Amino acid sequence: MFVDFGNNTEMMVSPCFIRLLTDEGTELRTMINTGYKLIQA
């Protein structure tokens, strides 16, 4: 299973990554998304 980040970059979905998609990973996911946006800027 892969996650498409929208720029032709794909990442393997590991159990740890899937856990980030759940409610308990919301805060960490927000930080990752913020950092990702900074990289794209």
C-alpha atoms as a PDB file:
ATOM      1  CA  MET A   1       0.000   0.000   0.000  1.00  0.00           C
ATOM      2  CA  PHE A   2       1.315   3.430  -0.905  1.00  0.00           C
ATOM      3  CA  VAL A   3       0.495   7.013   0.013  1.00  0.00           C
ATOM      4  CA  ASP A   4       0.703   9.589  -2.764  1.00  0.00           C
ATOM      5  CA  PHE A   5       1.813  12.995  -1.496  1.00  0.00           C
ATOM      6  CA  GLY A   6       0.696  14.658  -4.712  1.00  0.00           C
ATOM      7  CA  ASN A   7       4.142  15.330  -6.167  1.00  0.00           C
ATOM      8  CA  ASN A   8       4.824  11.862  -7.580  1.00  0.00           C
ATOM      9  CA  THR A   9       6.476  10.902  -4.298  1.00  0.00           C
ATOM     10  CA  GLU A  10       5.249   7.672  -2.738  1.00  0.00           C
ATOM     11  CA  MET A  11       5.979   6.240   0.697  1.00  0.00           C
ATOM     12  CA  MET A  12       5.478   2.698   1.890  1.00  0.00           C
ATOM     13  CA  VAL A  13       2.697   2.580   4.472  1.00  0.00           C
ATOM     14  CA  SER A  14       4.116   0.870   7.529  1.00  0.00           C
ATOM     15  CA  PRO A  15       2.157   0.040  10.703  1.00  0.00           C
ATOM     16  CA  CYS A  16       3.840   3.025  12.356  1.00  0.00           C
ATOM     17  CA  PHE A  17       2.798   5.330   9.519  1.00  0.00           C
ATOM     18  CA  ILE A  18      -0.767   3.981   9.584  1.00  0.00           C
ATOM     19  CA  ARG A  19      -0.850   4.779  13.310  1.00  0.00           C
ATOM     20  CA  LEU A  20      -0.119   8.410  12.400  1.00  0.00           C
ATOM     21  CA  LEU A  21      -3.348   8.411  10.389  1.00  0.00           C
ATOM     22  CA  THR A  22      -5.379   7.630  13.513  1.00  0.00           C
ATOM     23  CA  ASP A  23      -6.521  10.118  16.154  1.00  0.00           C
ATOM     24  CA  GLU A  24      -3.557   9.389  18.427  1.00  0.00           C
ATOM     25  CA  GLY A  25      -1.229  10.589  15.662  1.00  0.00           C
ATOM     26  CA  THR A  26      -3.030  13.862  14.989  1.00  0.00           C
ATOM     27  CA  GLU A  27      -0.521  16.114  16.759  1.00  0.00           C
ATOM     28  CA  LEU A  28       2.509  14.439  15.200  1.00  0.00           C
ATOM     29  CA  ARG A  29       0.850  14.417  11.783  1.00  0.00           C
ATOM     30  CA  THR A  30       0.196  18.153  12.082  1.00  0.00           C
ATOM     31  CA  MET A  31       3.887  18.772  12.774  1.00  0.00           C
ATOM     32  CA  ILE A  32       4.879  16.583   9.821  1.00  0.00           C
ATOM     33  CA  ASN A  33       2.448  18.388   7.522  1.00  0.00           C
ATOM     34  CA  THR A  34       3.759  21.773   8.686  1.00  0.00           C
ATOM     35  CA  GLY A  35       7.343  20.713   8.039  1.00  0.00           C
ATOM     36  CA  TYR A  36       6.381  19.278   4.661  1.00  0.00           C
ATOM     37  CA  LYS A  37       4.756  22.564   3.635  1.00  0.00           C
ATOM     38  CA  LEU A  38       7.894  24.454   4.697  1.00  0.00           C
ATOM     39  CA  ILE A  39       9.992  22.161   2.488  1.00  0.00           C
ATOM     40  CA  GLN A  40       7.655  22.740  -0.453  1.00  0.00           C
ATOM     41  CA  ALA A  41       7.711  26.518   0.022  1.00  0.00           C
END
